[in-house]
Amino acid sequence: MKSDQPTQQPTPPQQTLGVFKPVGHVLMSFATADQSDVSAKALLDIGFSESEIFWYLLAEMQAQAETDIEAASPMASLGQDLNLVKAHLALALQGQSFIVVSTAEDEQVQRATEVAKRMHATRAQHYGMLVVEELVPPGTSTQQTAESPDTGLDMQKRARDDVLGPEADA
């Protein structure tokens, strides 16, 4: 099982409002393909099966995110769904690799979270039906507020800061 081999993916990809939303799964991103490979092995070692682990090469995630952004329903921008897809695209453009693991039970979410933290995932998110929970803090902020730009989900904040400057919120 290597991240440079053909990817096993859920088919069809789970979507909500036209964008990728793998409900009942944890999505993890890693700075390198080697980190994702080691993390997948760690998931296998703690009881996940190969059929529960899906790899996305950076080119695959980039293509999926670009397609989703183009096809997204206007409703997708009301919550964080579209922002999450934009964040995935940004991470893929940075060369990150992704693992999506099926987590039907809360205990599986906890085990996947432990692996994400231990393996230094850059992002780890649990997709519930209504809420996407950050399992490891993204960015450098240690204190974050749900549904705020501090969570790193709002790609619009960076553009706003570029125009107005960060002191606009001071």
Protein backbone atom coordinates (compact mmCIF):
# COMPACT_ATOMS: atom_id res chain seq x y z
CA MET A 1 0.00 0.00 0.00
CA LYS A 2 1.83 3.07 -1.21
CA SER A 3 0.42 6.49 -1.99
CA ASP A 4 2.12 6.49 -5.40
CA GLN A 5 0.14 3.42 -6.49
CA PRO A 6 -3.36 3.53 -7.99
CA THR A 7 -5.75 5.06 -5.54
CA GLN A 8 -8.60 3.21 -3.92
CA GLN A 9 -11.40 5.76 -3.67
CA PRO A 10 -15.00 5.71 -2.60
CA THR A 11 -17.14 5.56 -5.72
CA PRO A 12 -18.87 7.74 -6.35
CA PRO A 13 -17.18 10.41 -4.20
CA GLN A 14 -19.57 11.56 -1.51
CA GLN A 15 -20.84 15.04 -2.18
CA THR A 16 -23.13 17.59 -0.61
CA LEU A 17 -24.30 20.64 -2.55
CA GLY A 18 -21.95 19.65 -5.37
CA VAL A 19 -18.74 19.52 -3.31
CA PHE A 20 -16.70 16.71 -1.76
CA LYS A 21 -18.04 15.85 1.68
CA PRO A 22 -17.17 12.32 2.83
CA VAL A 23 -19.68 12.00 5.68
CA GLY A 24 -18.68 9.28 8.15
CA HIS A 25 -15.00 9.63 7.27
CA VAL A 26 -11.89 11.38 8.57
CA LEU A 27 -9.81 13.24 5.99
CA MET A 28 -6.13 13.71 6.82
CA SER A 29 -3.50 15.61 4.88
CA PHE A 30 0.23 15.16 5.18
CA ALA A 31 3.19 17.21 4.01
CA THR A 32 4.73 14.22 2.24
CA ALA A 33 3.60 11.01 0.57
CA ASP A 34 5.93 9.10 2.91
CA GLN A 35 4.05 10.50 5.92
CA SER A 36 0.73 9.39 4.45
CA ASP A 37 2.14 5.91 3.76
CA VAL A 38 3.41 5.55 7.34
CA SER A 39 0.08 6.89 8.64
CA ALA A 40 -1.89 4.38 6.55
CA LYS A 41 0.25 1.59 8.00
CA ALA A 42 -0.41 2.94 11.50
CA LEU A 43 -4.15 2.88 10.77
CA LEU A 44 -3.86 -0.75 9.64
CA ASP A 45 -1.85 -1.58 12.76
CA ILE A 46 -4.64 -0.31 15.04
CA GLY A 47 -7.38 -2.28 13.33
CA PHE A 48 -8.59 -0.41 10.26
CA SER A 49 -8.86 -2.55 7.14
CA GLU A 50 -7.47 -1.74 3.71
CA SER A 51 -11.01 -1.31 2.43
CA GLU A 52 -11.55 1.52 4.96
CA ILE A 53 -8.52 3.58 3.85
CA PHE A 54 -8.50 5.66 0.67
CA TRP A 55 -5.52 7.56 -0.78
CA TYR A 56 -5.71 10.69 -2.86
CA LEU A 57 -2.57 11.71 -4.67
CA LEU A 58 -2.11 15.46 -4.74
CA ALA A 59 -3.03 15.56 -8.45
CA GLU A 60 -6.23 13.62 -7.73
CA MET A 61 -7.25 15.91 -4.88
CA GLN A 62 -6.35 18.97 -6.95
CA ALA A 63 -8.46 17.79 -9.89
CA GLN A 64 -11.39 16.86 -7.65
CA ALA A 65 -11.25 20.20 -5.79
CA GLU A 66 -11.07 22.21 -9.03
CA THR A 67 -14.05 20.29 -10.44
CA ASP A 68 -16.00 20.76 -7.19
CA ILE A 69 -15.30 24.49 -7.07
CA GLU A 70 -16.58 24.90 -10.62
CA ALA A 71 -19.68 22.73 -10.05
CA ALA A 72 -20.54 23.85 -6.50
CA SER A 73 -24.07 24.87 -5.72
CA PRO A 74 -24.45 28.49 -4.52
CA MET A 75 -25.70 26.93 -1.27
CA ALA A 76 -22.25 25.37 -0.70
CA SER A 77 -20.83 28.82 0.07
CA LEU A 78 -23.30 29.41 2.92
CA GLY A 79 -21.50 27.06 5.28
CA GLN A 80 -17.91 25.84 5.26
CA ASP A 81 -18.27 23.12 2.60
CA LEU A 82 -16.86 25.21 -0.24
CA ASN A 83 -14.16 26.71 1.99
CA LEU A 84 -13.03 23.21 2.94
CA VAL A 85 -12.72 22.23 -0.71
CA LYS A 86 -10.71 25.40 -1.37
CA ALA A 87 -8.46 24.52 1.57
CA HIS A 88 -7.95 21.01 0.14
CA LEU A 89 -6.99 22.56 -3.19
CA ALA A 90 -4.49 24.87 -1.49
CA LEU A 91 -2.93 21.93 0.36
CA ALA A 92 -2.74 19.84 -2.84
CA LEU A 93 -1.05 22.75 -4.61
CA GLN A 94 1.51 22.75 -1.78
CA GLY A 95 2.25 19.10 -2.59
CA GLN A 96 0.37 17.47 0.27
CA SER A 97 -1.10 13.98 0.09
CA PHE A 98 -4.41 12.85 1.56
CA ILE A 99 -5.91 9.84 3.29
CA VAL A 100 -9.62 9.38 3.87
CA VAL A 101 -10.54 6.73 6.42
CA SER A 102 -14.00 5.34 7.07
CA THR A 103 -15.07 6.05 10.66
CA ALA A 104 -18.62 4.88 11.29
CA GLU A 105 -18.15 4.72 15.08
CA ASP A 106 -16.94 7.40 17.53
CA GLU A 107 -14.23 5.03 18.74
CA GLN A 108 -12.86 4.85 15.17
CA VAL A 109 -12.77 8.66 15.01
CA GLN A 110 -10.73 8.70 18.23
CA ARG A 111 -8.27 6.11 16.91
CA ALA A 112 -7.89 8.00 13.62
CA THR A 113 -7.35 11.24 15.56
CA GLU A 114 -4.57 9.64 17.59
CA VAL A 115 -2.82 8.56 14.39
CA ALA A 116 -3.27 12.01 12.82
CA LYS A 117 -1.70 13.68 15.85
CA ARG A 118 1.11 11.15 16.23
CA MET A 119 1.97 11.30 12.53
CA HIS A 120 1.81 15.13 12.40
CA ALA A 121 -1.06 15.47 9.96
CA THR A 122 -1.32 19.03 8.69
CA ARG A 123 -5.12 18.69 8.73
CA ALA A 124 -7.51 16.08 10.09
CA GLN A 125 -11.24 16.58 9.82
CA HIS A 126 -14.14 14.34 10.77
CA TYR A 127 -17.08 14.77 8.40
CA GLY A 128 -20.37 14.37 10.23
CA MET A 129 -23.78 14.84 8.66
CA LEU A 130 -24.08 18.46 9.82
CA VAL A 131 -20.66 19.37 11.24
CA VAL A 132 -17.08 19.03 10.09
CA GLU A 133 -14.91 18.74 13.18
CA GLU A 134 -11.25 19.78 13.19
CA LEU A 135 -9.32 16.97 14.89
CA VAL A 136 -5.90 18.64 14.82
CA PRO A 137 -5.53 22.40 14.93
CA PRO A 138 -4.75 23.80 11.47
CA GLY A 139 -2.31 26.67 11.13
CA THR A 140 -0.35 28.16 13.98
CA SER A 141 -3.15 29.35 16.24
CA THR A 142 -3.60 27.22 19.34
CA GLN A 143 -6.90 28.86 20.30
CA GLN A 144 -9.56 28.73 17.63
CA THR A 145 -13.22 29.50 17.49
CA ALA A 146 -15.63 27.36 15.48
CA GLU A 147 -16.90 28.99 12.27
CA SER A 148 -14.38 31.84 12.51
CA PRO A 149 -11.52 32.78 10.20
CA ASP A 150 -9.17 31.61 12.99
CA THR A 151 -9.99 27.99 12.11
CA GLY A 152 -8.20 28.36 8.79
CA LEU A 153 -11.32 27.35 6.89
CA ASP A 154 -12.19 30.77 5.53
CA MET A 155 -10.09 31.32 2.41
CA GLN A 156 -11.80 34.70 1.97
CA LYS A 157 -10.09 36.19 5.05
CA ARG A 158 -6.67 36.05 3.44
CA ALA A 159 -7.97 37.95 0.38
CA ARG A 160 -9.65 40.50 2.68
CA ASP A 161 -6.41 40.99 4.62
CA ASP A 162 -4.52 41.50 1.35
CA VAL A 163 -6.87 44.36 0.44
CA LEU A 164 -7.63 45.95 3.81
CA GLY A 165 -4.73 44.75 5.94
CA PRO A 166 -5.04 42.69 9.13
CA GLU A 167 -5.41 45.86 11.20
CA ALA A 168 -8.90 46.37 9.69
CA ASP A 169 -10.23 43.97 12.32
CA ALA A 170 -8.34 45.61 15.18
